[in-house]
Protein backbone atom coordinates (compact mmCIF):
# COMPACT_ATOMS: atom_id res chain seq x y z
CA UNK A 1 80.45 -66.71 -100.05
CA UNK A 2 83.91 -65.27 -100.15
CA UNK A 3 86.92 -66.53 -98.22
CA UNK A 4 89.78 -64.54 -96.77
CA UNK A 5 92.62 -64.46 -99.33
CA UNK A 6 94.51 -67.71 -99.37
CA UNK A 7 92.37 -69.41 -96.74
CA UNK A 8 92.29 -73.23 -96.70
CA UNK A 9 89.06 -74.99 -95.73
CA UNK A 10 88.01 -78.62 -95.35
CA UNK A 11 85.14 -80.72 -94.17
CA UNK A 12 117.29 -53.06 -89.18
CA UNK A 13 116.12 -50.42 -86.69
CA UNK A 14 116.40 -47.03 -88.46
CA UNK A 15 119.85 -45.39 -88.30
CA UNK A 16 120.33 -43.02 -85.34
CA UNK A 17 119.68 -39.36 -86.05
CA UNK A 18 122.78 -37.19 -86.32
CA UNK A 19 122.95 -34.67 -83.50
CA UNK A 20 125.17 -31.69 -82.96
CA UNK A 21 126.89 -29.59 -85.58
CA UNK A 22 128.45 -31.29 -88.53
CA UNK A 23 132.21 -30.83 -88.86
CA UNK A 24 133.93 -31.74 -92.08
CA UNK A 25 136.77 -34.22 -91.47
CA UNK A 26 140.16 -32.53 -91.77
CA UNK A 27 138.64 -29.04 -91.92
CA UNK A 28 140.97 -27.51 -89.32
CA UNK A 29 143.91 -25.97 -91.19
CA UNK A 30 147.40 -26.84 -90.08
CA UNK A 31 149.26 -23.83 -88.67
CA UNK A 32 151.55 -22.03 -91.08
CA UNK A 33 154.95 -20.60 -90.11
CA UNK A 34 155.63 -16.88 -90.17
CA UNK A 35 158.08 -15.35 -92.63
CA UNK A 36 161.66 -15.77 -91.57
CA UNK A 37 162.55 -12.14 -92.34
CA UNK A 38 162.86 -9.88 -89.26
CA UNK A 39 160.21 -7.23 -88.67
CA UNK A 40 160.87 -3.70 -89.92
CA UNK A 41 162.86 -1.31 -87.69
CA UNK A 42 162.37 -0.34 -84.88
CA UNK A 43 162.52 -3.36 -82.65
CA UNK A 44 165.03 -5.95 -81.61
CA UNK A 45 165.83 -8.88 -83.85
CA UNK A 46 163.65 -11.98 -83.47
CA UNK A 47 164.64 -14.50 -80.81
CA UNK A 48 166.84 -17.36 -81.92
CA UNK A 49 166.15 -21.07 -81.39
CA UNK A 50 162.90 -23.03 -81.41
CA UNK A 51 159.72 -21.15 -80.73
CA UNK A 52 157.96 -21.65 -77.43
CA UNK A 53 154.62 -20.52 -76.09
CA UNK A 54 151.50 -19.79 -78.13
CA UNK A 55 151.56 -20.09 -81.91
CA UNK A 56 152.61 -18.01 -83.72
CA UNK A 57 155.29 -16.56 -81.35
CA UNK A 58 155.32 -12.77 -81.42
CA UNK A 59 158.56 -11.10 -82.45
CA UNK A 60 158.11 -8.28 -79.92
CA UNK A 61 155.14 -7.80 -77.69
CA UNK A 62 155.46 -4.00 -77.71
CA UNK A 63 156.06 -3.52 -81.41
CA UNK A 64 153.44 -1.71 -83.46
CA UNK A 65 153.55 -0.63 -87.12
CA UNK A 66 154.83 2.89 -87.67
CA UNK A 67 152.44 5.53 -89.01
CA UNK A 68 152.27 5.50 -92.77
CA UNK A 69 153.37 1.91 -93.13
CA UNK A 70 151.07 -0.30 -95.13
CA UNK A 71 149.01 -2.73 -92.99
CA UNK A 72 150.21 -6.33 -92.96
CA UNK A 73 148.63 -8.63 -95.51
CA UNK A 74 145.95 -10.91 -94.03
CA UNK A 75 146.95 -14.53 -93.49
CA UNK A 76 145.66 -17.11 -95.94
CA UNK A 77 143.81 -19.82 -94.06
CA UNK A 78 144.20 -22.52 -96.71
CA UNK A 79 141.75 -24.20 -99.11
CA UNK A 80 140.35 -26.51 -96.47
CA UNK A 81 139.27 -23.59 -94.32
CA UNK A 82 137.46 -22.16 -97.32
CA UNK A 83 135.63 -25.46 -97.69
CA UNK A 84 134.83 -25.52 -94.01
CA UNK A 85 133.37 -22.02 -94.16
CA UNK A 86 131.23 -23.11 -97.05
CA UNK A 87 130.14 -26.20 -95.15
CA UNK A 88 129.01 -24.13 -92.16
CA UNK A 89 126.66 -22.16 -94.41
CA UNK A 90 125.21 -25.22 -96.14
CA UNK A 91 123.56 -28.47 -95.20
CA UNK A 92 125.58 -31.66 -94.99
CA UNK A 93 124.59 -32.71 -98.49
CA UNK A 94 125.26 -29.21 -99.83
CA UNK A 95 128.66 -29.08 -98.19
CA UNK A 96 129.68 -32.37 -99.75
CA UNK A 97 128.54 -31.15 -103.14
CA UNK A 98 130.39 -27.85 -102.73
CA UNK A 99 133.58 -29.64 -101.83
CA UNK A 100 133.29 -31.79 -104.92
CA UNK A 101 132.76 -28.78 -107.13
CA UNK A 102 135.84 -27.03 -105.72
CA UNK A 103 137.96 -30.08 -106.36
CA UNK A 104 136.66 -30.44 -109.88
CA UNK A 105 137.20 -26.78 -110.75
CA UNK A 106 140.63 -26.41 -109.17
CA UNK A 107 142.04 -29.70 -110.50
CA UNK A 108 143.63 -29.44 -113.95
CA UNK A 109 141.77 -31.53 -116.48
CA UNK A 110 143.80 -34.34 -117.95
CA UNK A 111 143.65 -35.31 -121.56
CA UNK A 112 141.30 -38.28 -122.05
CA UNK A 113 143.05 -41.58 -122.66
CA UNK A 114 143.20 -42.76 -126.21
CA UNK A 115 142.11 -46.16 -127.40
CA UNK A 116 139.55 -48.50 -125.81
CA UNK A 117 135.85 -48.90 -126.56
CA UNK A 118 133.59 -45.96 -127.29
CA UNK A 119 130.93 -46.34 -124.61
CA UNK A 120 128.59 -44.05 -126.52
CA UNK A 121 128.08 -46.89 -128.99
CA UNK A 122 126.50 -48.94 -126.21
CA UNK A 123 124.23 -46.22 -124.86
CA UNK A 124 120.55 -46.87 -125.34
CA UNK A 125 118.42 -43.76 -125.07
CA UNK A 126 115.38 -45.91 -124.39
CA UNK A 127 116.81 -46.66 -120.95
CA UNK A 128 116.10 -43.07 -119.89
CA UNK A 129 112.36 -43.64 -120.17
CA UNK A 130 110.08 -44.96 -117.45
CA UNK A 131 109.74 -48.76 -117.81
CA UNK A 132 106.35 -50.17 -118.57
CA UNK A 133 104.67 -51.96 -115.65
CA UNK A 134 105.08 -55.72 -115.72
CA UNK A 135 102.04 -57.61 -116.88
CA UNK A 136 100.94 -60.97 -115.54
CA UNK A 137 99.07 -63.44 -117.70
CA UNK A 138 97.25 -65.98 -115.57
CA UNK A 139 96.68 -68.31 -118.53
CA UNK A 140 100.09 -68.04 -120.21
CA UNK A 141 102.55 -67.54 -117.36
CA UNK A 142 106.27 -68.50 -117.42
CA UNK A 143 105.67 -70.49 -114.23
CA UNK A 144 103.87 -73.14 -116.27
CA UNK A 145 107.03 -74.05 -118.15
CA UNK A 146 108.92 -74.81 -114.93
CA UNK A 147 109.46 -78.43 -113.87
CA UNK A 148 107.72 -79.80 -110.83
CA UNK A 149 109.98 -80.02 -107.75
CA UNK A 150 111.73 -83.31 -107.10
CA UNK A 151 114.24 -84.95 -104.80
CA UNK A 152 113.57 -83.21 -101.49
CA UNK A 153 114.12 -84.87 -98.13
CA UNK A 154 112.01 -83.80 -95.21
CA UNK A 155 111.82 -85.42 -91.78
CA UNK A 156 108.40 -84.53 -90.40
CA UNK A 157 108.21 -84.43 -86.60
CA UNK A 158 105.58 -86.46 -84.77
CA UNK A 159 102.47 -84.38 -84.14
CA UNK A 160 100.66 -84.22 -80.81
CA UNK A 161 97.31 -82.71 -81.77
CA UNK A 162 96.58 -81.60 -78.20
CA UNK A 163 99.77 -79.55 -77.89
CA UNK A 164 100.01 -76.03 -79.30
CA UNK A 165 103.81 -76.25 -79.18
CA UNK A 166 103.76 -79.48 -81.19
CA UNK A 167 101.56 -77.91 -83.86
CA UNK A 168 103.88 -74.90 -84.09
CA UNK A 169 106.95 -77.12 -84.42
CA UNK A 170 105.25 -79.22 -87.10
CA UNK A 171 104.19 -76.14 -89.05
CA UNK A 172 107.64 -74.53 -88.86
CA UNK A 173 109.51 -77.67 -89.95
CA UNK A 174 107.05 -78.21 -92.79
CA UNK A 175 107.38 -74.58 -93.88
CA UNK A 176 111.18 -74.84 -94.03
CA UNK A 177 110.89 -78.07 -95.97
CA UNK A 178 108.61 -76.45 -98.54
CA UNK A 179 110.98 -73.47 -98.83
CA UNK A 180 113.80 -75.85 -99.71
CA UNK A 181 111.61 -77.86 -102.07
CA UNK A 182 110.32 -74.97 -104.19
CA UNK A 183 113.39 -72.68 -104.13
CA UNK A 184 115.07 -74.24 -107.22
CA UNK A 185 111.85 -73.91 -109.22
CA UNK A 186 111.32 -70.25 -108.30
CA UNK A 187 115.01 -69.34 -108.58
CA UNK A 188 115.09 -70.83 -112.06
CA UNK A 189 112.46 -68.24 -113.04
CA UNK A 190 114.48 -65.41 -111.50
CA UNK A 191 112.21 -65.29 -108.45
CA UNK A 192 113.77 -65.08 -104.99
CA UNK A 193 110.84 -64.50 -102.62
CA UNK A 194 111.19 -64.06 -98.90
CA UNK A 195 110.10 -67.16 -96.99
CA UNK A 196 106.74 -66.77 -95.25
CA UNK A 197 106.49 -66.86 -91.49
CA UNK A 198 104.56 -69.80 -90.09
CA UNK A 199 102.33 -69.70 -87.03
CA UNK A 200 99.29 -71.11 -85.29
CA UNK A 201 96.14 -69.39 -84.11
CA UNK A 202 93.28 -70.09 -81.76
CA UNK A 203 90.71 -68.62 -84.15
CA UNK A 204 90.00 -68.04 -87.83
CA UNK A 205 89.80 -64.55 -89.32
CA UNK A 206 86.25 -63.35 -88.78
CA UNK A 207 86.18 -60.28 -91.01
CA UNK A 208 85.21 -62.15 -94.20
CA UNK A 209 82.35 -64.66 -94.50
CA UNK A 210 83.17 -68.24 -95.48
CA UNK A 211 81.28 -71.34 -96.49
CA UNK A 212 78.87 -71.89 -93.58
CA UNK A 213 79.46 -75.64 -93.33
CA UNK A 214 83.24 -75.52 -93.69
CA UNK A 215 86.11 -75.27 -91.23
CA UNK A 216 88.90 -72.79 -91.84
CA UNK A 217 91.92 -75.05 -91.40
CA UNK A 218 94.57 -72.54 -92.40
CA UNK A 219 95.13 -69.39 -94.41
CA UNK A 220 97.84 -67.49 -96.28
CA UNK A 221 98.46 -63.76 -96.06
CA UNK A 222 100.74 -61.90 -98.47
CA UNK A 223 101.05 -58.94 -96.08
CA UNK A 224 102.25 -59.79 -93.55
CA UNK A 225 103.85 -62.73 -95.31
CA UNK A 226 102.48 -65.55 -93.21
CA UNK A 227 100.89 -69.02 -93.17
CA UNK A 228 98.64 -69.69 -90.19
CA UNK A 229 97.15 -72.98 -88.96
CA UNK A 230 93.82 -72.61 -87.13
CA UNK A 231 94.09 -75.01 -84.20
CA UNK A 232 90.42 -75.47 -83.19
CA UNK A 233 89.50 -76.42 -86.76
CA UNK A 234 92.34 -78.86 -87.41
CA UNK A 235 91.73 -80.56 -84.07
CA UNK A 236 88.07 -81.03 -84.95
CA UNK A 237 88.87 -82.54 -88.34
CA UNK A 238 91.75 -84.60 -86.91
CA UNK A 239 89.28 -86.51 -84.75
CA UNK A 240 88.26 -88.43 -87.89
CA UNK A 241 91.80 -88.99 -89.19
CA UNK A 242 93.69 -92.28 -88.67
CA UNK A 243 96.59 -91.53 -86.29
CA UNK A 244 99.12 -93.18 -88.61
CA UNK A 245 98.13 -90.78 -91.43
CA UNK A 246 98.03 -87.60 -89.34
CA UNK A 247 101.35 -86.10 -90.42
CA UNK A 248 100.68 -86.74 -94.14
CA UNK A 249 97.30 -85.03 -94.03
CA UNK A 250 98.50 -81.92 -92.23
CA UNK A 251 101.56 -81.73 -94.43
CA UNK A 252 99.12 -81.54 -97.37
CA UNK A 253 97.38 -78.62 -95.65
CA UNK A 254 100.69 -76.74 -95.35
CA UNK A 255 101.56 -77.61 -98.95
CA UNK A 256 98.25 -76.11 -100.10
CA UNK A 257 98.90 -72.84 -98.27
CA UNK A 258 102.44 -72.79 -99.65
CA UNK A 259 100.91 -73.12 -103.10
CA UNK A 260 99.39 -69.68 -102.52
CA UNK A 261 102.86 -68.42 -101.64
CA UNK A 262 104.12 -69.65 -105.02
CA UNK A 263 101.22 -67.82 -106.70
CA UNK A 264 102.13 -64.68 -104.77
CA UNK A 265 105.81 -64.88 -105.76
CA UNK A 266 104.76 -65.19 -109.41
CA UNK A 267 102.41 -62.18 -109.21
CA UNK A 268 99.30 -64.32 -109.66
CA UNK A 269 97.81 -64.26 -106.17
CA UNK A 270 97.24 -60.50 -105.97
CA UNK A 271 95.86 -60.33 -109.49
CA UNK A 272 93.35 -63.07 -108.77
CA UNK A 273 92.15 -61.77 -105.43
CA UNK A 274 91.95 -58.18 -106.63
CA UNK A 275 89.08 -59.31 -108.86
CA UNK A 276 87.29 -61.16 -106.06
CA UNK A 277 84.77 -58.88 -104.34
CA UNK A 278 81.33 -59.14 -102.87
CA UNK A 279 79.64 -59.14 -106.27
CA UNK A 280 82.31 -61.06 -108.16
CA UNK A 281 82.07 -64.50 -109.67
CA UNK A 282 83.38 -67.21 -107.34
CA UNK A 283 84.88 -69.09 -110.28
CA UNK A 284 88.07 -66.97 -110.25
CA UNK A 285 88.54 -67.75 -106.56
CA UNK A 286 88.02 -71.46 -107.19
CA UNK A 287 90.64 -71.42 -109.94
CA UNK A 288 93.14 -69.99 -107.45
CA UNK A 289 92.26 -72.47 -104.71
CA UNK A 290 92.31 -75.48 -107.01
CA UNK A 291 95.67 -74.43 -108.41
CA UNK A 292 97.04 -74.30 -104.85
CA UNK A 293 95.66 -77.81 -104.32
CA UNK A 294 97.43 -78.95 -107.48
CA UNK A 295 100.73 -77.47 -106.27
CA UNK A 296 100.16 -79.26 -102.96
CA UNK A 297 99.95 -82.56 -104.86
CA UNK A 298 103.31 -81.81 -106.49
CA UNK A 299 104.85 -81.08 -103.11
CA UNK A 300 103.41 -84.24 -101.58
CA UNK A 301 104.88 -86.45 -104.31
CA UNK A 302 108.30 -84.81 -104.03
CA UNK A 303 108.42 -85.29 -100.26
CA UNK A 304 106.81 -88.69 -99.78
CA UNK A 305 106.89 -90.48 -103.15
CA UNK A 306 104.26 -92.78 -101.64
CA UNK A 307 101.15 -93.23 -103.76
CA UNK A 308 99.22 -94.24 -100.66
CA UNK A 309 99.61 -90.63 -99.48
CA UNK A 310 97.59 -89.56 -102.53
CA UNK A 311 94.73 -91.79 -101.49
CA UNK A 312 94.88 -90.70 -97.84
CA UNK A 313 94.75 -86.98 -98.61
CA UNK A 314 91.96 -87.25 -101.14
CA UNK A 315 89.94 -89.41 -98.75
CA UNK A 316 90.27 -87.42 -95.51
CA UNK A 317 91.04 -83.89 -96.68
CA UNK A 318 89.44 -83.53 -100.11
CA UNK A 319 86.54 -85.89 -99.57
CA UNK A 320 83.20 -84.69 -98.29
CA UNK A 321 81.02 -81.88 -99.54
CA UNK A 322 81.40 -79.28 -102.26
CA UNK A 323 82.50 -75.75 -101.47
CA UNK A 324 81.66 -72.58 -103.39
CA UNK A 325 85.12 -71.16 -102.74
CA UNK A 326 87.27 -74.31 -103.17
CA UNK A 327 85.29 -76.34 -105.68
CA UNK A 328 83.64 -79.73 -105.59
CA UNK A 329 85.17 -82.68 -103.78
CA UNK A 330 85.69 -84.38 -107.14
CA UNK A 331 87.57 -81.40 -108.58
CA UNK A 332 89.69 -80.93 -105.46
CA UNK A 333 90.78 -84.56 -105.74
CA UNK A 334 91.34 -84.21 -109.50
CA UNK A 335 93.69 -81.24 -109.17
CA UNK A 336 95.61 -82.76 -106.26
CA UNK A 337 96.23 -85.82 -108.42
CA UNK A 338 97.18 -83.57 -111.35
CA UNK A 339 99.95 -82.02 -109.30
CA UNK A 340 101.07 -85.44 -108.18
CA UNK A 341 101.31 -86.89 -111.70
CA UNK A 342 102.43 -84.07 -114.01
CA UNK A 343 106.02 -83.21 -114.91
CA UNK A 344 105.66 -79.43 -115.28
CA UNK A 345 103.63 -76.76 -113.53
CA UNK A 346 101.54 -76.46 -116.69
CA UNK A 347 99.63 -79.42 -115.28
CA UNK A 348 98.30 -77.00 -112.64
CA UNK A 349 97.05 -74.35 -115.09
CA UNK A 350 93.54 -74.08 -113.66
CA UNK A 351 93.10 -70.68 -115.31
CA UNK A 352 93.04 -72.36 -118.72
CA UNK A 353 90.75 -75.20 -117.62
CA UNK A 354 87.14 -75.61 -118.63
CA UNK A 355 84.58 -74.30 -116.19
CA UNK A 356 83.42 -77.83 -115.39
CA UNK A 357 86.89 -78.60 -113.99
CA UNK A 358 86.83 -75.62 -111.63
CA UNK A 359 83.24 -75.90 -110.45
């Protein structure tokens, strides 16, 4: 039966909308002075001294042009008023474009500078085409050439299995530790994934059937990006775990789910689970789950460096029965040890393994 993707089992608010009319900055034209010449006869000469009152000051309130005189020429409002008039008739984007065009047309073109590199020599016409979609090869992936993580320090908090808050704290600290541990490996491949959120839940996802005799201990979701620990299940399994080994075992659970996050960052998780449907072969799902178990072994060695942790995890977490979705107990232990002992991620290439090793 099929598991929810990535499940682990065991025995800037949007910007405010602009309101009101848009006014182009600096669109109001500065007042221009009137000609200094006196008005035509008749009428008294213009007043002397600084102008007072409304602008422009009239020369004579009662003066009117004489019959037969040509009408006065209309005042020029200035280039910025022309732009403002254009802006009123257009949208904001159109107004900005119009202003740019006016500037380009009215500005004299300068002679191009001489010397320097000819950029046309570096222009590649192929760049104008639509790029081909990236392809992901599950068997021959660049991830496999990366070194296993090393040298991380992580202080795991004590875990009170009866406290929801303690479980949440443990999961969050472990998640941050795994972020720090795997970042250099992923960054070296040019991958800079967002860190997954970590949480706890009182129930497992019920929309997808799972192995009937298995507990869903935790699961990974690529959207929303999240690792969740299922509290009722881990508490049930924890009843058979030695108290002194509790933190190691549940760190291994988190490391397994984080292994799915690494697969997701490398484009492998979606490709695998897209092929897993109701009628699909469970082998592809087992390859994904066993690879996550292998990556968990690598994380466990980098954090603890204690070979006794390898024995503890394979005894209490990977021991027990076989699972259609996660493989046999023997293969789960094998791949966890592979991750622990290998120097590169190629040691976790379950997609290139024989079927007997992913059964």
